[in-house]
Amino acid sequence: MANPTAIQRVSFRHEAIIDYILANPNARLKDVALHFDVTPPWLSQIIHSDCFIQHIASRRDQISSPILIELHEKLASVAHLALDRLNEKVPLLDNASDLKDVADMALDNLGYGTSKGSVGLHLHNHQHFSQPIAPSLVSEARSRVGVIKPPAAPPVLVDDHEDIQDAEYHILEPGAEPVPAG
């Protein structure tokens, strides 16, 4: 439902408010209301109406478009002149450092380099390779760090009987074959 208090058209007074707002973009609502001798709630109703919003946007575009176009044209002209002069000077450069700086600048601006302030993509690729090592190398390494023999493997328990009450356990040394009980 449309706001019944919203304005339907922009009056001369509304045009003056638009001019003031565009000339004083940092002005607070109460300052604008005080300048035009109106209440802040009334001014709020006016400036938030669709008609006013469209009109001020149109006026802002009329003012800023020529400035932005002129600014863009000036910056483009400066960039072209600087690049033309740079193109004249590059063949005369003998210093490798200067050539590298020019190349880095050109590649950065073309999007092929990375600038010092940019955040790049960092990939971490962890690869682990397992390769068998000769036992003689392992024993030599252990002797150098002070380990004389490898740590003993935990004892293996063997159950000779299925009946738990009669079970007989034998502790086997690593690599030994189980011996039947009896």
N, C-alpha and C. Protein backbone atom coordinates (compact mmCIF):
# COMPACT_ATOMS: atom_id res chain seq x y z
N MET A 1 0.84 -1.17 0.00
CA MET A 1 0.00 0.00 0.00
C MET A 1 0.89 1.24 0.00
N ALA A 2 0.53 2.21 -0.79
CA ALA A 2 1.33 3.44 -0.92
C ALA A 2 1.19 4.28 0.34
N ASN A 3 2.23 5.02 0.63
CA ASN A 3 2.23 5.90 1.80
C ASN A 3 1.34 7.11 1.49
N PRO A 4 0.25 7.34 2.26
CA PRO A 4 -0.66 8.44 1.95
C PRO A 4 -0.03 9.82 2.16
N THR A 5 1.04 9.89 2.99
CA THR A 5 1.67 11.19 3.24
C THR A 5 2.84 11.45 2.28
N ALA A 6 3.15 10.51 1.40
CA ALA A 6 4.26 10.69 0.47
C ALA A 6 3.89 11.73 -0.58
N ILE A 7 4.90 12.47 -1.01
CA ILE A 7 4.65 13.51 -2.02
C ILE A 7 4.45 12.86 -3.38
N GLN A 8 3.63 13.51 -4.20
CA GLN A 8 3.34 13.00 -5.54
C GLN A 8 4.22 13.67 -6.60
N ARG A 9 4.64 14.90 -6.30
CA ARG A 9 5.53 15.61 -7.23
C ARG A 9 6.49 16.47 -6.41
N VAL A 10 7.58 16.87 -7.05
CA VAL A 10 8.60 17.68 -6.38
C VAL A 10 8.27 19.15 -6.62
N SER A 11 8.10 19.87 -5.51
CA SER A 11 7.78 21.30 -5.60
C SER A 11 9.08 22.12 -5.64
N PHE A 12 8.90 23.46 -5.75
CA PHE A 12 10.07 24.35 -5.73
C PHE A 12 10.79 24.25 -4.39
N ARG A 13 10.03 24.10 -3.32
CA ARG A 13 10.63 23.97 -2.00
C ARG A 13 11.43 22.67 -1.91
N HIS A 14 10.89 21.62 -2.47
CA HIS A 14 11.60 20.33 -2.49
C HIS A 14 12.88 20.43 -3.31
N GLU A 15 12.81 21.18 -4.43
CA GLU A 15 14.00 21.41 -5.26
C GLU A 15 15.08 22.13 -4.44
N ALA A 16 14.66 23.10 -3.63
CA ALA A 16 15.61 23.83 -2.79
C ALA A 16 16.24 22.89 -1.76
N ILE A 17 15.43 21.98 -1.20
CA ILE A 17 15.96 21.01 -0.24
C ILE A 17 16.98 20.10 -0.93
N ILE A 18 16.66 19.67 -2.14
CA ILE A 18 17.60 18.83 -2.92
C ILE A 18 18.89 19.59 -3.17
N ASP A 19 18.79 20.85 -3.58
CA ASP A 19 19.99 21.65 -3.81
C ASP A 19 20.84 21.76 -2.54
N TYR A 20 20.18 21.97 -1.41
CA TYR A 20 20.91 22.09 -0.14
C TYR A 20 21.59 20.77 0.23
N ILE A 21 20.87 19.68 0.08
CA ILE A 21 21.44 18.37 0.42
C ILE A 21 22.63 18.04 -0.48
N LEU A 22 22.50 18.34 -1.78
CA LEU A 22 23.61 18.06 -2.70
C LEU A 22 24.81 18.98 -2.44
N ALA A 23 24.55 20.20 -2.00
CA ALA A 23 25.64 21.13 -1.70
C ALA A 23 26.27 20.83 -0.34
N ASN A 24 25.51 20.20 0.55
CA ASN A 24 25.99 19.88 1.90
C ASN A 24 25.74 18.40 2.19
N PRO A 25 26.48 17.51 1.57
CA PRO A 25 26.19 16.08 1.71
C PRO A 25 26.37 15.53 3.13
N ASN A 26 27.11 16.24 3.98
CA ASN A 26 27.32 15.76 5.35
C ASN A 26 26.35 16.39 6.35
N ALA A 27 25.42 17.18 5.86
CA ALA A 27 24.46 17.83 6.75
C ALA A 27 23.52 16.79 7.36
N ARG A 28 23.23 16.99 8.66
CA ARG A 28 22.32 16.08 9.34
C ARG A 28 20.88 16.50 9.06
N LEU A 29 19.97 15.59 9.25
CA LEU A 29 18.55 15.83 8.99
C LEU A 29 18.05 17.04 9.78
N LYS A 30 18.44 17.11 11.05
CA LYS A 30 17.95 18.23 11.87
C LYS A 30 18.53 19.57 11.40
N ASP A 31 19.76 19.56 10.83
CA ASP A 31 20.34 20.80 10.31
C ASP A 31 19.60 21.26 9.06
N VAL A 32 19.25 20.32 8.19
CA VAL A 32 18.49 20.66 6.98
C VAL A 32 17.12 21.18 7.39
N ALA A 33 16.46 20.51 8.34
CA ALA A 33 15.14 20.95 8.80
C ALA A 33 15.22 22.35 9.40
N LEU A 34 16.24 22.62 10.20
CA LEU A 34 16.42 23.94 10.80
C LEU A 34 16.62 25.01 9.73
N HIS A 35 17.42 24.67 8.70
CA HIS A 35 17.69 25.62 7.60
C HIS A 35 16.40 26.00 6.86
N PHE A 36 15.49 25.06 6.69
CA PHE A 36 14.25 25.32 5.95
C PHE A 36 13.06 25.59 6.87
N ASP A 37 13.34 25.67 8.18
CA ASP A 37 12.31 25.99 9.16
C ASP A 37 11.13 25.01 9.09
N VAL A 38 11.48 23.73 9.07
CA VAL A 38 10.49 22.65 9.10
C VAL A 38 10.89 21.68 10.21
N THR A 39 9.99 20.77 10.54
CA THR A 39 10.31 19.79 11.58
C THR A 39 11.05 18.61 10.95
N PRO A 40 11.95 17.98 11.71
CA PRO A 40 12.66 16.80 11.20
C PRO A 40 11.72 15.67 10.76
N PRO A 41 10.61 15.38 11.49
CA PRO A 41 9.71 14.32 11.01
C PRO A 41 9.09 14.64 9.64
N TRP A 42 8.71 15.92 9.44
CA TRP A 42 8.13 16.30 8.14
C TRP A 42 9.18 16.12 7.05
N LEU A 43 10.39 16.59 7.31
CA LEU A 43 11.46 16.48 6.32
C LEU A 43 11.77 15.01 6.03
N SER A 44 11.75 14.19 7.05
CA SER A 44 12.01 12.76 6.86
C SER A 44 10.98 12.14 5.93
N GLN A 45 9.68 12.52 6.11
CA GLN A 45 8.62 12.02 5.22
C GLN A 45 8.90 12.43 3.77
N ILE A 46 9.36 13.64 3.60
CA ILE A 46 9.61 14.15 2.24
C ILE A 46 10.80 13.43 1.60
N ILE A 47 11.92 13.39 2.30
CA ILE A 47 13.14 12.85 1.66
C ILE A 47 13.10 11.34 1.50
N HIS A 48 12.19 10.66 2.20
CA HIS A 48 12.09 9.21 2.05
C HIS A 48 10.97 8.79 1.10
N SER A 49 10.32 9.73 0.48
CA SER A 49 9.28 9.39 -0.50
C SER A 49 9.93 8.96 -1.81
N ASP A 50 9.26 8.08 -2.53
CA ASP A 50 9.80 7.56 -3.79
C ASP A 50 10.07 8.68 -4.79
N CYS A 51 9.16 9.62 -4.88
CA CYS A 51 9.31 10.72 -5.84
C CYS A 51 10.57 11.54 -5.55
N PHE A 52 10.78 11.87 -4.27
CA PHE A 52 11.95 12.66 -3.87
C PHE A 52 13.24 11.88 -4.12
N ILE A 53 13.24 10.59 -3.75
CA ILE A 53 14.43 9.76 -3.93
C ILE A 53 14.82 9.68 -5.40
N GLN A 54 13.83 9.49 -6.28
CA GLN A 54 14.12 9.42 -7.72
C GLN A 54 14.65 10.76 -8.23
N HIS A 55 14.05 11.85 -7.76
CA HIS A 55 14.46 13.17 -8.24
C HIS A 55 15.87 13.53 -7.77
N ILE A 56 16.20 13.24 -6.52
CA ILE A 56 17.55 13.57 -6.02
C ILE A 56 18.59 12.68 -6.70
N ALA A 57 18.24 11.42 -7.00
CA ALA A 57 19.19 10.54 -7.71
C ALA A 57 19.44 11.06 -9.11
N SER A 58 18.39 11.52 -9.77
CA SER A 58 18.54 12.09 -11.12
C SER A 58 19.42 13.34 -11.09
N ARG A 59 19.19 14.21 -10.13
CA ARG A 59 19.99 15.42 -10.00
C ARG A 59 21.45 15.10 -9.68
N ARG A 60 21.66 14.10 -8.82
CA ARG A 60 23.03 13.70 -8.45
C ARG A 60 23.76 13.19 -9.69
N ASP A 61 23.07 12.40 -10.52
CA ASP A 61 23.68 11.90 -11.75
C ASP A 61 24.00 13.04 -12.71
N GLN A 62 23.11 14.03 -12.81
CA GLN A 62 23.36 15.18 -13.69
C GLN A 62 24.61 15.94 -13.27
N ILE A 63 24.82 16.03 -11.97
CA ILE A 63 25.97 16.77 -11.46
C ILE A 63 27.25 15.96 -11.57
N SER A 64 27.20 14.69 -11.18
CA SER A 64 28.43 13.91 -11.07
C SER A 64 28.88 13.29 -12.39
N SER A 65 27.97 12.98 -13.29
CA SER A 65 28.37 12.32 -14.54
C SER A 65 29.39 13.13 -15.34
N PRO A 66 29.16 14.42 -15.59
CA PRO A 66 30.18 15.18 -16.34
C PRO A 66 31.52 15.24 -15.61
N ILE A 67 31.47 15.34 -14.29
CA ILE A 67 32.71 15.40 -13.52
C ILE A 67 33.45 14.08 -13.62
N LEU A 68 32.72 12.96 -13.47
CA LEU A 68 33.35 11.65 -13.54
C LEU A 68 33.90 11.37 -14.94
N ILE A 69 33.15 11.76 -15.97
CA ILE A 69 33.61 11.54 -17.34
C ILE A 69 34.87 12.37 -17.60
N GLU A 70 34.85 13.63 -17.18
CA GLU A 70 36.01 14.49 -17.37
C GLU A 70 37.22 13.95 -16.60
N LEU A 71 37.00 13.53 -15.37
CA LEU A 71 38.07 12.98 -14.56
C LEU A 71 38.65 11.72 -15.21
N HIS A 72 37.77 10.84 -15.68
CA HIS A 72 38.22 9.61 -16.34
C HIS A 72 39.04 9.93 -17.60
N GLU A 73 38.56 10.90 -18.37
CA GLU A 73 39.28 11.29 -19.59
C GLU A 73 40.66 11.86 -19.26
N LYS A 74 40.74 12.68 -18.22
CA LYS A 74 42.02 13.26 -17.82
C LYS A 74 42.99 12.17 -17.35
N LEU A 75 42.49 11.26 -16.51
CA LEU A 75 43.36 10.18 -16.02
C LEU A 75 43.83 9.29 -17.17
N ALA A 76 42.94 8.99 -18.10
CA ALA A 76 43.32 8.17 -19.25
C ALA A 76 44.37 8.89 -20.09
N SER A 77 44.22 10.20 -20.26
CA SER A 77 45.18 10.98 -21.03
C SER A 77 46.56 10.97 -20.36
N VAL A 78 46.58 11.15 -19.05
CA VAL A 78 47.85 11.11 -18.31
C VAL A 78 48.50 9.73 -18.44
N ALA A 79 47.69 8.69 -18.30
CA ALA A 79 48.23 7.33 -18.40
C ALA A 79 48.80 7.08 -19.80
N HIS A 80 48.10 7.53 -20.83
CA HIS A 80 48.61 7.34 -22.20
C HIS A 80 49.92 8.08 -22.41
N LEU A 81 50.00 9.33 -21.95
CA LEU A 81 51.24 10.10 -22.10
C LEU A 81 52.39 9.43 -21.36
N ALA A 82 52.14 8.99 -20.14
CA ALA A 82 53.20 8.36 -19.35
C ALA A 82 53.65 7.06 -20.00
N LEU A 83 52.72 6.28 -20.50
CA LEU A 83 53.09 5.02 -21.16
C LEU A 83 53.84 5.26 -22.47
N ASP A 84 53.44 6.31 -23.20
CA ASP A 84 54.19 6.64 -24.43
C ASP A 84 55.63 7.02 -24.10
N ARG A 85 55.83 7.82 -23.07
CA ARG A 85 57.19 8.20 -22.67
C ARG A 85 57.97 6.99 -22.17
N LEU A 86 57.30 6.12 -21.44
CA LEU A 86 57.94 4.91 -20.95
C LEU A 86 58.36 4.02 -22.11
N ASN A 87 57.49 3.89 -23.11
CA ASN A 87 57.84 3.09 -24.29
C ASN A 87 59.06 3.66 -25.02
N GLU A 88 59.21 5.00 -25.00
CA GLU A 88 60.38 5.61 -25.62
C GLU A 88 61.65 5.31 -24.82
N LYS A 89 61.54 5.25 -23.50
CA LYS A 89 62.70 5.10 -22.64
C LYS A 89 63.15 3.64 -22.46
N VAL A 90 62.25 2.69 -22.58
CA VAL A 90 62.59 1.28 -22.32
C VAL A 90 63.73 0.79 -23.22
N PRO A 91 63.74 1.07 -24.52
CA PRO A 91 64.87 0.59 -25.34
C PRO A 91 66.22 1.18 -24.93
N LEU A 92 66.20 2.31 -24.23
CA LEU A 92 67.44 2.96 -23.83
C LEU A 92 67.95 2.47 -22.47
N LEU A 93 67.14 1.69 -21.76
CA LEU A 93 67.53 1.21 -20.44
C LEU A 93 68.59 0.12 -20.56
N ASP A 94 69.67 0.28 -19.81
CA ASP A 94 70.73 -0.73 -19.78
C ASP A 94 70.77 -1.46 -18.45
N ASN A 95 70.27 -0.84 -17.43
CA ASN A 95 70.31 -1.40 -16.09
C ASN A 95 69.25 -2.50 -15.97
N ALA A 96 69.67 -3.70 -15.62
CA ALA A 96 68.76 -4.83 -15.50
C ALA A 96 67.71 -4.59 -14.43
N SER A 97 68.10 -3.92 -13.35
CA SER A 97 67.15 -3.65 -12.27
C SER A 97 66.02 -2.74 -12.75
N ASP A 98 66.38 -1.71 -13.53
CA ASP A 98 65.36 -0.80 -14.06
C ASP A 98 64.43 -1.54 -15.02
N LEU A 99 64.99 -2.38 -15.87
CA LEU A 99 64.16 -3.16 -16.80
C LEU A 99 63.22 -4.09 -16.05
N LYS A 100 63.74 -4.70 -14.98
CA LYS A 100 62.90 -5.59 -14.18
C LYS A 100 61.76 -4.82 -13.53
N ASP A 101 62.05 -3.62 -13.01
CA ASP A 101 61.01 -2.80 -12.39
C ASP A 101 59.92 -2.44 -13.39
N VAL A 102 60.31 -2.06 -14.59
CA VAL A 102 59.34 -1.70 -15.63
C VAL A 102 58.51 -2.93 -16.02
N ALA A 103 59.17 -4.07 -16.18
CA ALA A 103 58.45 -5.29 -16.54
C ALA A 103 57.50 -5.71 -15.43
N ASP A 104 57.94 -5.64 -14.18
CA ASP A 104 57.07 -5.98 -13.05
C ASP A 104 55.85 -5.07 -12.99
N MET A 105 56.07 -3.78 -13.19
CA MET A 105 54.97 -2.82 -13.17
C MET A 105 53.97 -3.13 -14.28
N ALA A 106 54.47 -3.39 -15.47
CA ALA A 106 53.58 -3.68 -16.59
C ALA A 106 52.80 -4.97 -16.37
N LEU A 107 53.49 -5.99 -15.91
CA LEU A 107 52.80 -7.27 -15.67
C LEU A 107 51.80 -7.17 -14.53
N ASP A 108 52.14 -6.43 -13.47
CA ASP A 108 51.19 -6.23 -12.37
C ASP A 108 49.91 -5.55 -12.86
N ASN A 109 50.08 -4.52 -13.67
CA ASN A 109 48.92 -3.78 -14.15
C ASN A 109 48.10 -4.55 -15.18
N LEU A 110 48.72 -5.52 -15.82
CA LEU A 110 47.97 -6.37 -16.74
C LEU A 110 47.32 -7.54 -16.01
N GLY A 111 47.65 -7.69 -14.72
CA GLY A 111 47.05 -8.76 -13.93
C GLY A 111 47.85 -10.04 -13.91
N TYR A 112 49.08 -10.01 -14.42
CA TYR A 112 49.90 -11.21 -14.45
C TYR A 112 50.87 -11.30 -13.28
N GLY A 113 51.06 -10.23 -12.58
CA GLY A 113 51.98 -10.25 -11.45
C GLY A 113 51.19 -10.13 -10.16
N THR A 114 51.90 -10.06 -9.07
CA THR A 114 51.24 -9.83 -7.78
C THR A 114 51.84 -8.59 -7.17
N SER A 115 50.99 -7.70 -6.72
CA SER A 115 51.50 -6.51 -6.06
C SER A 115 51.84 -6.83 -4.61
N LYS A 116 52.62 -5.96 -4.00
CA LYS A 116 53.07 -6.23 -2.64
C LYS A 116 51.91 -6.25 -1.65
N GLY A 117 50.86 -5.48 -1.91
CA GLY A 117 49.74 -5.42 -0.98
C GLY A 117 48.64 -6.43 -1.24
N SER A 118 48.75 -7.18 -2.32
CA SER A 118 47.66 -8.08 -2.66
C SER A 118 47.73 -9.36 -1.85
N VAL A 119 46.61 -9.97 -1.71
CA VAL A 119 46.53 -11.24 -1.01
C VAL A 119 46.42 -12.31 -2.09
N GLY A 120 47.41 -13.15 -2.17
CA GLY A 120 47.41 -14.20 -3.18
C GLY A 120 46.88 -15.50 -2.63
N LEU A 121 46.74 -16.42 -3.50
CA LEU A 121 46.31 -17.75 -3.13
C LEU A 121 47.53 -18.55 -2.75
N HIS A 122 47.52 -19.11 -1.56
CA HIS A 122 48.65 -19.91 -1.09
C HIS A 122 48.23 -21.36 -1.05
N LEU A 123 48.92 -22.19 -1.76
CA LEU A 123 48.64 -23.61 -1.76
C LEU A 123 49.74 -24.32 -1.01
N HIS A 124 49.36 -25.22 -0.16
CA HIS A 124 50.33 -26.03 0.56
C HIS A 124 50.16 -27.46 0.08
N ASN A 125 51.17 -27.98 -0.53
CA ASN A 125 51.12 -29.33 -1.06
C ASN A 125 52.11 -30.18 -0.28
N HIS A 126 51.59 -31.01 0.58
CA HIS A 126 52.44 -31.87 1.39
C HIS A 126 52.48 -33.25 0.75
N GLN A 127 53.66 -33.69 0.41
CA GLN A 127 53.82 -35.01 -0.16
C GLN A 127 54.78 -35.81 0.70
N HIS A 128 54.41 -37.03 0.99
CA HIS A 128 55.26 -37.90 1.80
C HIS A 128 55.59 -39.13 0.97
N PHE A 129 56.84 -39.41 0.88
CA PHE A 129 57.29 -40.58 0.13
C PHE A 129 57.90 -41.58 1.10
N SER A 130 57.52 -42.83 0.98
CA SER A 130 58.11 -43.89 1.79
C SER A 130 59.06 -44.68 0.91
N GLN A 131 60.24 -44.85 1.42
CA GLN A 131 61.24 -45.60 0.66
C GLN A 131 61.95 -46.54 1.64
N PRO A 132 62.11 -47.80 1.27
CA PRO A 132 62.80 -48.72 2.18
C PRO A 132 64.25 -48.26 2.40
N ILE A 133 64.70 -48.43 3.63
CA ILE A 133 66.07 -48.04 3.98
C ILE A 133 66.82 -49.31 4.37
N ALA A 134 68.02 -49.38 3.92
CA ALA A 134 68.86 -50.55 4.22
C ALA A 134 69.08 -50.64 5.72
N PRO A 135 69.00 -51.85 6.31
CA PRO A 135 69.21 -52.02 7.75
C PRO A 135 70.56 -51.50 8.22
N SER A 136 71.59 -51.58 7.37
CA SER A 136 72.91 -51.08 7.79
C SER A 136 72.89 -49.56 7.99
N LEU A 137 72.12 -48.85 7.16
CA LEU A 137 72.01 -47.40 7.32
C LEU A 137 71.24 -47.05 8.60
N VAL A 138 70.22 -47.84 8.91
CA VAL A 138 69.44 -47.60 10.12
C VAL A 138 70.31 -47.82 11.36
N SER A 139 71.07 -48.91 11.39
CA SER A 139 71.91 -49.18 12.55
C SER A 139 73.02 -48.14 12.68
N GLU A 140 73.55 -47.67 11.54
CA GLU A 140 74.59 -46.63 11.60
C GLU A 140 74.00 -45.33 12.15
N ALA A 141 72.78 -45.00 11.73
CA ALA A 141 72.13 -43.78 12.22
C ALA A 141 71.84 -43.89 13.71
N ARG A 142 71.39 -45.07 14.15
CA ARG A 142 71.10 -45.27 15.57
C ARG A 142 72.36 -45.16 16.41
N SER A 143 73.45 -45.69 15.90
CA SER A 143 74.69 -45.61 16.68
C SER A 143 75.17 -44.17 16.78
N ARG A 144 74.92 -43.37 15.76
CA ARG A 144 75.35 -41.96 15.79
C ARG A 144 74.54 -41.15 16.80
N VAL A 145 73.26 -41.49 16.98
CA VAL A 145 72.45 -40.73 17.93
C VAL A 145 72.44 -41.37 19.31
N GLY A 146 73.14 -42.48 19.48
CA GLY A 146 73.28 -43.09 20.80
C GLY A 146 72.34 -44.24 21.06
N VAL A 147 71.59 -44.70 20.10
CA VAL A 147 70.71 -45.86 20.28
C VAL A 147 71.47 -47.07 19.78
N ILE A 148 71.77 -47.97 20.66
CA ILE A 148 72.59 -49.13 20.28
C ILE A 148 71.76 -50.21 19.60
N LYS A 149 70.63 -50.56 20.18
CA LYS A 149 69.81 -51.58 19.55
C LYS A 149 68.37 -51.12 19.54
N PRO A 150 67.58 -51.62 18.63
CA PRO A 150 66.20 -51.17 18.52
C PRO A 150 65.42 -51.54 19.77
N PRO A 151 64.39 -50.78 20.10
CA PRO A 151 63.60 -51.10 21.27
C PRO A 151 62.94 -52.47 21.09
N ALA A 152 62.81 -53.19 22.21
CA ALA A 152 62.22 -54.53 22.16
C ALA A 152 60.74 -54.43 21.85
N ALA A 153 60.26 -55.39 21.05
CA ALA A 153 58.85 -55.46 20.73
C ALA A 153 58.11 -55.98 21.95
N PRO A 154 56.86 -55.59 22.14
CA PRO A 154 56.12 -56.10 23.29
C PRO A 154 55.96 -57.61 23.19
N PRO A 155 55.94 -58.33 24.33
CA PRO A 155 55.81 -59.78 24.29
C PRO A 155 54.46 -60.20 23.70
N VAL A 156 54.46 -61.34 23.02
CA VAL A 156 53.25 -61.88 22.42
C VAL A 156 52.73 -62.99 23.32
N LEU A 157 51.47 -62.95 23.70
CA LEU A 157 50.86 -63.98 24.53
C LEU A 157 50.14 -64.97 23.63
N VAL A 158 50.37 -66.26 23.88
CA VAL A 158 49.74 -67.30 23.07
C VAL A 158 48.86 -68.14 23.98
N ASP A 159 47.63 -68.38 23.58
CA ASP A 159 46.69 -69.20 24.33
C ASP A 159 46.67 -70.58 23.70
N ASP A 160 47.14 -71.60 24.45
CA ASP A 160 47.21 -72.95 23.90
C ASP A 160 45.89 -73.70 24.01
N HIS A 161 44.99 -73.28 24.85
CA HIS A 161 43.74 -74.00 25.05
C HIS A 161 42.56 -73.09 24.83
N GLU A 162 41.47 -73.70 24.42
CA GLU A 162 40.25 -72.94 24.22
C GLU A 162 39.55 -72.69 25.55
N ASP A 163 39.73 -73.56 26.50
CA ASP A 163 39.09 -73.41 27.79
C ASP A 163 39.89 -72.38 28.60
N ILE A 164 39.26 -71.30 28.97
CA ILE A 164 39.95 -70.20 29.64
C ILE A 164 40.51 -70.65 30.99
N GLN A 165 39.79 -71.52 31.71
CA GLN A 165 40.26 -71.93 33.04
C GLN A 165 41.56 -72.72 32.96
N ASP A 166 41.72 -73.51 31.91
CA ASP A 166 42.92 -74.33 31.77
C ASP A 166 43.97 -73.67 30.89
N ALA A 167 43.78 -72.40 30.57
CA ALA A 167 44.68 -71.75 29.61
C ALA A 167 46.08 -71.66 30.16
N GLU A 168 47.02 -71.85 29.27
CA GLU A 168 48.42 -71.76 29.64
C GLU A 168 49.04 -70.75 28.69
N TYR A 169 49.66 -69.76 29.22
CA TYR A 169 50.22 -68.70 28.39
C TYR A 169 51.73 -68.83 28.36
N HIS A 170 52.28 -68.62 27.19
CA HIS A 170 53.73 -68.64 27.04
C HIS A 170 54.17 -67.30 26.46
N ILE A 171 55.19 -66.72 27.01
CA ILE A 171 55.73 -65.48 26.48
C ILE A 171 56.77 -65.83 25.44
N LEU A 172 56.59 -65.30 24.25
CA LEU A 172 57.50 -65.58 23.14
C LEU A 172 58.39 -64.38 22.89
N GLU A 173 59.61 -64.66 22.55
CA GLU A 173 60.52 -63.61 22.12
C GLU A 173 60.14 -63.23 20.69
N PRO A 174 60.40 -62.01 20.28
CA PRO A 174 60.07 -61.61 18.91
C PRO A 174 60.75 -62.56 17.91
N GLY A 175 59.99 -63.01 16.96
CA GLY A 175 60.50 -63.88 15.91
C GLY A 175 60.49 -65.35 16.26
N ALA A 176 60.18 -65.74 17.52
CA ALA A 176 60.17 -67.14 17.93
C ALA A 176 58.84 -67.80 17.56
N GLU A 177 58.87 -69.06 17.28
CA GLU A 177 57.67 -69.83 16.93
C GLU A 177 57.02 -70.34 18.21
N PRO A 178 55.67 -70.35 18.26
CA PRO A 178 54.98 -70.88 19.45
C PRO A 178 55.26 -72.38 19.62
N VAL A 179 55.47 -72.79 20.86
CA VAL A 179 55.72 -74.20 21.19
C VAL A 179 54.48 -74.75 21.85
N PRO A 180 53.93 -75.88 21.41
CA PRO A 180 52.73 -76.43 22.04
C PRO A 180 52.99 -76.79 23.50
N ALA A 181 52.00 -76.53 24.36
CA ALA A 181 52.12 -76.84 25.78
C ALA A 181 51.98 -78.35 25.98
N GLY A 182 52.61 -78.84 26.95
CA GLY A 182 52.35 -80.24 27.18
C GLY A 182 53.42 -80.88 27.84
